[in-house]
Structures are given as C-alpha cells and as structure tokens.
C-alpha cells in the first residue's frame, strides 16, 4: 500500500505542526441502525494491521474503510481515504453525489484533541484528487 500524503489539501501557507493525525478504521452508516444508511457509525484508531473483527460493532464488512484522520483544534476534523481502496459499491452509495451525508450525530473519543470530536448531521463536501478522497468536518 502506498503511503497517504496527508497535506495535499491544506493551504500552503498553513502550519502543519499543530495538526494531530492518526490512522483509523471507519465504518459508514448510522449507529442506531446497526451501521446501515448514511453517516459515520464508528471511527477507531488503528495501531497495527492485525484487526480484531470480533470487537467491532455489528456491521457489513463492506462498509469498513481505513483513513488518515487529521484534527486541528477549533478548526476541523478530516478523513482522507485512498480512492483505490474504496469498493465501487461504497463509492456509489456514500460518495458519488459529491457530498457525504450524515443522518445521525456521531461522537468519537479519538485521542486527537482535548475533548471528543462531534460530527453533526448534515451534508459535507467531498474533495477528490487522482488518488485521494477527503471529507472535512468543520468544528465551531
């Protein structure tokens, strides 16, 4: 697998030092619907390439993706996926329209900031490059 270049979407004048980053497992869907429909069902930090499938939320394995999560306090939380790793069925259902829809709020306790990160309901623009797909969630 090629490394993900994390800074391609950031302004060239911005400092990258203050951005917290982690590789994560992302399961798409709504938590209350057992990870079906639209949104984020689970985001969990990945520490190795040995994933324990028994410990995950009941979900469709096809809705599981891996991403680089970036967090800048009081600014944004962003997920960057390698486009080639996204199955066509997931791309068609969750990303083809150019926006990522979140039908239910999701709070993650990733240790990227001082408090849990809240992803609110709504539609979020998707940024595409030749090799990456990014979703940025603004933090107020």
N, C-alpha and C. Protein backbone atom coordinates (compact mmCIF):
# COMPACT_ATOMS: atom_id res chain seq x y z
N UNK A 1 0.84 -1.17 0.00
CA UNK A 1 0.00 0.00 0.00
C UNK A 1 0.89 1.24 0.00
N UNK A 2 0.56 2.19 -0.86
CA UNK A 2 1.33 3.43 -0.90
C UNK A 2 0.96 4.31 0.29
N UNK A 3 1.91 5.10 0.82
CA UNK A 3 1.58 5.99 1.93
C UNK A 3 0.63 7.09 1.47
N UNK A 4 -0.24 7.53 2.36
CA UNK A 4 -1.16 8.62 2.06
C UNK A 4 -0.44 9.93 2.35
N UNK A 5 -0.45 10.84 1.39
CA UNK A 5 0.19 12.13 1.59
C UNK A 5 -0.83 13.05 2.23
N UNK A 6 -0.66 13.30 3.52
CA UNK A 6 -1.69 13.95 4.33
C UNK A 6 -1.88 15.42 4.04
N UNK A 7 -0.89 16.11 3.54
CA UNK A 7 -1.01 17.55 3.48
C UNK A 7 -1.44 18.10 2.13
N UNK A 8 -1.92 17.28 1.21
CA UNK A 8 -2.22 17.81 -0.11
C UNK A 8 -3.41 18.76 -0.13
N UNK A 9 -4.30 18.68 0.83
CA UNK A 9 -5.49 19.53 0.84
C UNK A 9 -5.33 20.77 1.71
N UNK A 10 -4.25 20.90 2.42
CA UNK A 10 -4.08 22.01 3.34
C UNK A 10 -3.49 23.21 2.62
N UNK A 11 -3.84 24.42 3.06
CA UNK A 11 -3.26 25.61 2.43
C UNK A 11 -1.74 25.59 2.56
N UNK A 12 -1.06 26.06 1.52
CA UNK A 12 0.40 26.03 1.53
C UNK A 12 0.98 26.96 2.58
N UNK A 13 0.23 27.96 3.00
CA UNK A 13 0.73 28.90 4.00
C UNK A 13 0.47 28.43 5.42
N UNK A 14 -0.38 27.44 5.60
CA UNK A 14 -0.74 26.96 6.94
C UNK A 14 0.36 26.12 7.56
N UNK A 15 0.45 26.14 8.86
CA UNK A 15 1.42 25.31 9.58
C UNK A 15 0.81 23.94 9.82
N UNK A 16 1.56 22.91 9.52
CA UNK A 16 1.07 21.55 9.72
C UNK A 16 1.42 21.02 11.11
N UNK A 17 2.30 21.73 11.83
CA UNK A 17 2.77 21.25 13.14
C UNK A 17 1.63 21.04 14.12
N UNK A 18 0.59 21.88 14.07
CA UNK A 18 -0.46 21.83 15.07
C UNK A 18 -1.59 20.87 14.70
N UNK A 19 -1.40 20.07 13.67
CA UNK A 19 -2.43 19.14 13.24
C UNK A 19 -2.12 17.76 13.81
N UNK A 20 -3.08 17.22 14.56
CA UNK A 20 -2.94 15.87 15.12
C UNK A 20 -3.41 14.88 14.05
N UNK A 21 -2.69 13.75 13.90
CA UNK A 21 -3.04 12.77 12.87
C UNK A 21 -3.02 11.37 13.44
N UNK A 22 -3.85 10.50 12.87
CA UNK A 22 -3.86 9.09 13.26
C UNK A 22 -4.49 8.28 12.13
N UNK A 23 -4.04 7.04 11.98
CA UNK A 23 -4.71 6.13 11.05
C UNK A 23 -5.89 5.51 11.77
N UNK A 24 -7.03 5.44 11.08
CA UNK A 24 -8.27 4.99 11.72
C UNK A 24 -9.02 4.01 10.83
N UNK A 25 -9.86 3.22 11.50
CA UNK A 25 -10.84 2.38 10.82
C UNK A 25 -12.15 3.15 10.87
N UNK A 26 -12.82 3.27 9.73
CA UNK A 26 -14.08 3.99 9.65
C UNK A 26 -15.15 3.02 9.17
N UNK A 27 -16.24 2.95 9.90
CA UNK A 27 -17.39 2.15 9.46
C UNK A 27 -18.50 3.14 9.16
N UNK A 28 -19.00 3.08 7.93
CA UNK A 28 -20.02 4.01 7.48
C UNK A 28 -21.41 3.52 7.85
N UNK A 29 -22.32 4.45 8.09
CA UNK A 29 -23.70 4.13 8.42
C UNK A 29 -24.15 4.87 9.66
N UNK A 30 -25.34 4.56 10.13
CA UNK A 30 -25.88 5.17 11.35
C UNK A 30 -25.71 4.21 12.51
N UNK A 31 -25.20 4.68 13.66
CA UNK A 31 -25.05 3.80 14.82
C UNK A 31 -26.37 3.15 15.27
N UNK A 32 -27.46 3.91 15.25
CA UNK A 32 -28.73 3.38 15.73
C UNK A 32 -29.36 2.38 14.76
N UNK A 33 -28.84 2.32 13.53
CA UNK A 33 -29.37 1.40 12.52
C UNK A 33 -28.38 0.26 12.25
N UNK A 34 -27.57 -0.07 13.25
CA UNK A 34 -26.56 -1.14 13.11
C UNK A 34 -25.68 -0.91 11.88
N UNK A 35 -25.27 0.34 11.73
CA UNK A 35 -24.32 0.74 10.68
C UNK A 35 -24.88 0.65 9.27
N UNK A 36 -26.18 0.82 9.11
CA UNK A 36 -26.79 0.90 7.79
C UNK A 36 -27.12 2.36 7.51
N UNK A 37 -27.40 2.68 6.29
CA UNK A 37 -27.78 4.01 5.82
C UNK A 37 -26.57 4.93 5.70
N UNK A 38 -26.75 6.24 5.92
CA UNK A 38 -25.69 7.22 5.64
C UNK A 38 -25.14 7.84 6.91
N UNK A 39 -23.84 8.04 6.94
CA UNK A 39 -23.19 8.69 8.07
C UNK A 39 -21.97 7.93 8.53
N UNK A 40 -21.59 8.21 9.78
CA UNK A 40 -20.43 7.56 10.40
C UNK A 40 -20.93 6.72 11.57
N UNK A 41 -20.67 5.43 11.53
CA UNK A 41 -21.10 4.52 12.59
C UNK A 41 -20.00 4.33 13.63
N UNK A 42 -18.74 4.36 13.17
CA UNK A 42 -17.64 4.12 14.10
C UNK A 42 -16.35 4.66 13.50
N UNK A 43 -15.54 5.28 14.35
CA UNK A 43 -14.18 5.65 13.98
C UNK A 43 -13.30 5.19 15.13
N UNK A 44 -12.31 4.40 14.81
CA UNK A 44 -11.44 3.86 15.86
C UNK A 44 -10.00 3.89 15.38
N UNK A 45 -9.10 4.29 16.26
CA UNK A 45 -7.67 4.34 15.92
C UNK A 45 -7.17 2.93 15.60
N UNK A 46 -6.31 2.84 14.60
CA UNK A 46 -5.71 1.58 14.19
C UNK A 46 -4.25 1.61 14.61
N UNK A 47 -3.84 0.60 15.37
CA UNK A 47 -2.47 0.54 15.86
C UNK A 47 -1.61 -0.48 15.12
N UNK A 48 -2.24 -1.38 14.38
CA UNK A 48 -1.48 -2.38 13.63
C UNK A 48 -2.32 -2.85 12.46
N UNK A 49 -1.76 -3.75 11.67
CA UNK A 49 -2.52 -4.28 10.55
C UNK A 49 -3.20 -5.60 10.91
N UNK A 50 -3.28 -5.90 12.21
CA UNK A 50 -3.96 -7.10 12.68
C UNK A 50 -5.25 -6.67 13.35
N UNK A 51 -6.35 -6.67 12.60
CA UNK A 51 -7.61 -6.14 13.09
C UNK A 51 -8.47 -7.25 13.69
N UNK A 52 -9.00 -7.00 14.87
CA UNK A 52 -9.85 -7.97 15.55
C UNK A 52 -11.29 -7.72 15.13
N UNK A 53 -11.77 -8.49 14.18
CA UNK A 53 -13.12 -8.30 13.67
C UNK A 53 -14.20 -8.60 14.70
N UNK A 54 -13.89 -9.40 15.70
CA UNK A 54 -14.89 -9.75 16.70
C UNK A 54 -15.24 -8.58 17.60
N UNK A 55 -14.35 -7.60 17.71
CA UNK A 55 -14.59 -6.48 18.63
C UNK A 55 -15.30 -5.31 17.97
N UNK A 56 -15.66 -5.43 16.70
CA UNK A 56 -16.29 -4.30 16.02
C UNK A 56 -17.79 -4.30 16.24
N UNK A 57 -18.38 -3.14 15.98
CA UNK A 57 -19.83 -3.00 16.03
C UNK A 57 -20.41 -3.90 14.93
N UNK A 58 -21.57 -4.54 15.16
CA UNK A 58 -22.16 -5.36 14.10
C UNK A 58 -22.39 -4.51 12.85
N UNK A 59 -21.79 -4.89 11.77
CA UNK A 59 -21.91 -4.09 10.56
C UNK A 59 -21.60 -4.96 9.35
N UNK A 60 -21.84 -4.38 8.20
CA UNK A 60 -21.46 -5.05 6.97
C UNK A 60 -19.98 -4.81 6.77
N UNK A 61 -19.22 -5.86 6.58
CA UNK A 61 -17.78 -5.73 6.39
C UNK A 61 -17.49 -4.81 5.21
N UNK A 62 -18.36 -4.78 4.21
CA UNK A 62 -18.13 -3.95 3.04
C UNK A 62 -18.19 -2.46 3.35
N UNK A 63 -18.74 -2.06 4.48
CA UNK A 63 -18.83 -0.65 4.85
C UNK A 63 -17.64 -0.19 5.67
N UNK A 64 -16.60 -0.98 5.75
CA UNK A 64 -15.41 -0.66 6.54
C UNK A 64 -14.33 -0.11 5.62
N UNK A 65 -13.78 1.05 6.00
CA UNK A 65 -12.69 1.68 5.25
C UNK A 65 -11.60 2.09 6.22
N UNK A 66 -10.42 2.37 5.70
CA UNK A 66 -9.32 2.87 6.51
C UNK A 66 -8.92 4.23 5.99
N UNK A 67 -8.57 5.13 6.91
CA UNK A 67 -8.31 6.52 6.53
C UNK A 67 -7.24 7.13 7.41
N UNK A 68 -6.77 8.27 6.98
CA UNK A 68 -5.93 9.11 7.82
C UNK A 68 -6.84 10.19 8.39
N UNK A 69 -6.94 10.26 9.71
CA UNK A 69 -7.74 11.28 10.37
C UNK A 69 -6.82 12.42 10.78
N UNK A 70 -7.25 13.65 10.52
CA UNK A 70 -6.50 14.83 10.91
C UNK A 70 -7.42 15.74 11.71
N UNK A 71 -6.87 16.32 12.77
CA UNK A 71 -7.66 17.18 13.65
C UNK A 71 -6.88 18.44 13.95
N UNK A 72 -7.50 19.59 13.72
CA UNK A 72 -6.91 20.87 14.11
C UNK A 72 -7.90 21.51 15.05
N UNK A 73 -7.48 21.70 16.30
CA UNK A 73 -8.37 22.20 17.34
C UNK A 73 -9.04 23.51 16.93
N UNK A 74 -10.33 23.59 17.20
CA UNK A 74 -11.16 24.76 16.87
C UNK A 74 -11.22 25.05 15.37
N UNK A 75 -10.91 24.08 14.54
CA UNK A 75 -10.94 24.32 13.10
C UNK A 75 -11.67 23.20 12.34
N UNK A 76 -11.10 21.99 12.34
CA UNK A 76 -11.72 20.92 11.56
C UNK A 76 -11.24 19.54 11.99
N UNK A 77 -12.01 18.55 11.55
CA UNK A 77 -11.65 17.13 11.63
C UNK A 77 -11.80 16.61 10.21
N UNK A 78 -10.80 15.91 9.71
CA UNK A 78 -10.83 15.47 8.32
C UNK A 78 -10.47 14.00 8.21
N UNK A 79 -11.16 13.31 7.32
CA UNK A 79 -10.85 11.92 6.99
C UNK A 79 -10.39 11.87 5.54
N UNK A 80 -9.22 11.26 5.31
CA UNK A 80 -8.67 11.13 3.95
C UNK A 80 -8.54 9.64 3.64
N UNK A 81 -9.23 9.23 2.57
CA UNK A 81 -9.24 7.83 2.14
C UNK A 81 -8.45 7.70 0.84
N UNK A 82 -7.81 6.58 0.64
CA UNK A 82 -7.18 6.27 -0.64
C UNK A 82 -8.30 5.82 -1.58
N UNK A 83 -8.48 6.50 -2.70
CA UNK A 83 -9.60 6.20 -3.61
C UNK A 83 -9.58 4.76 -4.09
N UNK A 84 -8.41 4.24 -4.37
CA UNK A 84 -8.31 2.88 -4.88
C UNK A 84 -8.73 1.82 -3.88
N UNK A 85 -8.81 2.18 -2.60
CA UNK A 85 -9.20 1.20 -1.58
C UNK A 85 -10.70 1.22 -1.29
N UNK A 86 -11.43 2.11 -1.95
CA UNK A 86 -12.88 2.21 -1.73
C UNK A 86 -13.60 1.36 -2.76
N UNK A 87 -14.30 0.31 -2.32
CA UNK A 87 -15.05 -0.52 -3.28
C UNK A 87 -16.09 0.32 -4.03
N UNK A 88 -16.36 -0.05 -5.27
CA UNK A 88 -17.33 0.70 -6.09
C UNK A 88 -18.69 0.83 -5.44
N UNK A 89 -19.16 -0.22 -4.77
CA UNK A 89 -20.48 -0.16 -4.14
C UNK A 89 -20.52 0.90 -3.04
N UNK A 90 -19.46 1.02 -2.26
CA UNK A 90 -19.40 2.05 -1.21
C UNK A 90 -19.30 3.43 -1.85
N UNK A 91 -18.47 3.57 -2.87
CA UNK A 91 -18.32 4.86 -3.54
C UNK A 91 -19.66 5.33 -4.11
N UNK A 92 -20.35 4.44 -4.80
CA UNK A 92 -21.64 4.79 -5.41
C UNK A 92 -22.66 5.22 -4.35
N UNK A 93 -22.73 4.53 -3.24
CA UNK A 93 -23.75 4.79 -2.22
C UNK A 93 -23.41 6.01 -1.36
N UNK A 94 -22.16 6.16 -0.96
CA UNK A 94 -21.81 7.19 0.02
C UNK A 94 -21.17 8.45 -0.57
N UNK A 95 -20.52 8.36 -1.73
CA UNK A 95 -19.68 9.47 -2.18
C UNK A 95 -19.99 10.01 -3.58
N UNK A 96 -20.70 9.29 -4.42
CA UNK A 96 -20.86 9.65 -5.83
C UNK A 96 -21.49 11.03 -6.03
N UNK A 97 -22.38 11.44 -5.15
CA UNK A 97 -23.08 12.71 -5.32
C UNK A 97 -22.19 13.92 -5.08
N UNK A 98 -20.98 13.72 -4.58
CA UNK A 98 -20.09 14.85 -4.30
C UNK A 98 -20.22 15.39 -2.89
N UNK A 99 -21.19 14.86 -2.14
CA UNK A 99 -21.34 15.22 -0.72
C UNK A 99 -21.44 13.95 0.10
N UNK A 100 -20.98 14.04 1.34
CA UNK A 100 -21.09 12.93 2.28
C UNK A 100 -22.20 13.31 3.26
N UNK A 101 -23.25 12.50 3.31
CA UNK A 101 -24.41 12.80 4.16
C UNK A 101 -24.28 12.10 5.50
N UNK A 102 -24.54 12.84 6.56
CA UNK A 102 -24.56 12.30 7.92
C UNK A 102 -25.98 12.44 8.43
N UNK A 103 -26.66 11.30 8.65
CA UNK A 103 -28.06 11.30 9.08
C UNK A 103 -28.21 11.33 10.60
N UNK A 104 -27.15 11.02 11.32
CA UNK A 104 -27.20 10.94 12.79
C UNK A 104 -25.86 11.41 13.35
N UNK A 105 -25.91 12.23 14.41
CA UNK A 105 -24.67 12.71 15.02
C UNK A 105 -23.81 11.54 15.49
N UNK A 106 -22.50 11.76 15.43
CA UNK A 106 -21.55 10.76 15.90
C UNK A 106 -20.46 11.46 16.68
N UNK A 107 -20.16 10.93 17.86
CA UNK A 107 -19.10 11.48 18.70
C UNK A 107 -18.00 10.43 18.83
N UNK A 108 -16.77 10.83 18.52
CA UNK A 108 -15.65 9.91 18.61
C UNK A 108 -14.73 10.34 19.74
N UNK A 109 -14.19 9.39 20.44
CA UNK A 109 -13.28 9.70 21.54
C UNK A 109 -11.83 9.48 21.13
N UNK A 110 -11.53 9.66 19.85
CA UNK A 110 -10.14 9.56 19.40
C UNK A 110 -9.30 10.53 20.22
N UNK A 111 -8.13 10.13 20.57
CA UNK A 111 -7.26 10.98 21.38
C UNK A 111 -6.50 11.95 20.48
N UNK A 112 -7.24 12.77 19.77
CA UNK A 112 -6.64 13.75 18.88
C UNK A 112 -6.79 15.17 19.41
N UNK A 113 -7.56 15.34 20.43
CA UNK A 113 -7.77 16.66 21.00
C UNK A 113 -8.11 16.53 22.46
N UNK A 114 -8.53 17.64 23.06
CA UNK A 114 -8.84 17.65 24.48
C UNK A 114 -10.23 17.09 24.78
N UNK A 115 -11.11 17.10 23.80
CA UNK A 115 -12.48 16.66 24.00
C UNK A 115 -12.89 15.75 22.85
N UNK A 116 -13.98 14.98 23.02
CA UNK A 116 -14.47 14.16 21.91
C UNK A 116 -14.81 15.02 20.69
N UNK A 117 -14.68 14.45 19.53
CA UNK A 117 -14.99 15.15 18.28
C UNK A 117 -16.42 14.80 17.90
N UNK A 118 -17.25 15.82 17.69
CA UNK A 118 -18.65 15.61 17.33
C UNK A 118 -18.84 15.89 15.85
N UNK A 119 -19.35 14.89 15.14
CA UNK A 119 -19.72 15.05 13.73
C UNK A 119 -21.23 15.21 13.72
N UNK A 120 -21.70 16.39 13.30
CA UNK A 120 -23.13 16.68 13.34
C UNK A 120 -23.81 16.26 12.04
N UNK A 121 -25.13 16.17 12.09
CA UNK A 121 -25.90 15.80 10.90
C UNK A 121 -25.73 16.89 9.83
N UNK A 122 -25.83 16.48 8.60
CA UNK A 122 -25.72 17.44 7.50
C UNK A 122 -25.04 16.83 6.30
N UNK A 123 -24.70 17.70 5.36
CA UNK A 123 -24.01 17.29 4.14
C UNK A 123 -22.65 17.96 4.10
N UNK A 124 -21.62 17.19 3.80
CA UNK A 124 -20.25 17.68 3.79
C UNK A 124 -19.64 17.45 2.41
N UNK A 125 -19.02 18.50 1.88
CA UNK A 125 -18.39 18.40 0.57
C UNK A 125 -17.26 17.38 0.58
N UNK A 126 -17.14 16.69 -0.53
CA UNK A 126 -16.07 15.71 -0.72
C UNK A 126 -15.03 16.34 -1.64
N UNK A 127 -13.77 16.22 -1.26
CA UNK A 127 -12.67 16.69 -2.11
C UNK A 127 -12.00 15.47 -2.74
N UNK A 128 -11.82 15.55 -4.04
CA UNK A 128 -11.22 14.43 -4.77
C UNK A 128 -9.93 14.86 -5.44
N UNK A 129 -8.96 13.98 -5.42
CA UNK A 129 -7.76 14.13 -6.25
C UNK A 129 -7.65 12.85 -7.06
N UNK A 130 -6.58 12.69 -7.79
CA UNK A 130 -6.41 11.46 -8.57
C UNK A 130 -6.37 10.22 -7.70
N UNK A 131 -5.84 10.36 -6.47
CA UNK A 131 -5.64 9.18 -5.63
C UNK A 131 -6.35 9.23 -4.28
N UNK A 132 -6.86 10.41 -3.88
CA UNK A 132 -7.44 10.54 -2.54
C UNK A 132 -8.85 11.09 -2.57
N UNK A 133 -9.60 10.78 -1.51
CA UNK A 133 -10.93 11.31 -1.28
C UNK A 133 -10.93 11.84 0.15
N UNK A 134 -11.32 13.09 0.35
CA UNK A 134 -11.28 13.69 1.69
C UNK A 134 -12.63 14.29 2.05
N UNK A 135 -12.98 14.16 3.33
CA UNK A 135 -14.18 14.77 3.89
C UNK A 135 -13.72 15.61 5.07
N UNK A 136 -14.06 16.90 5.06
CA UNK A 136 -13.68 17.78 6.16
C UNK A 136 -14.94 18.19 6.92
N UNK A 137 -14.90 17.97 8.23
CA UNK A 137 -15.98 18.35 9.13
C UNK A 137 -15.51 19.58 9.90
N UNK A 138 -16.15 20.73 9.67
CA UNK A 138 -15.75 21.95 10.37
C UNK A 138 -16.16 21.86 11.83
N UNK A 139 -15.31 22.40 12.70
CA UNK A 139 -15.58 22.41 14.14
C UNK A 139 -15.78 23.85 14.55
N UNK A 140 -16.90 24.13 15.19
CA UNK A 140 -17.21 25.51 15.60
C UNK A 140 -16.64 25.83 16.95
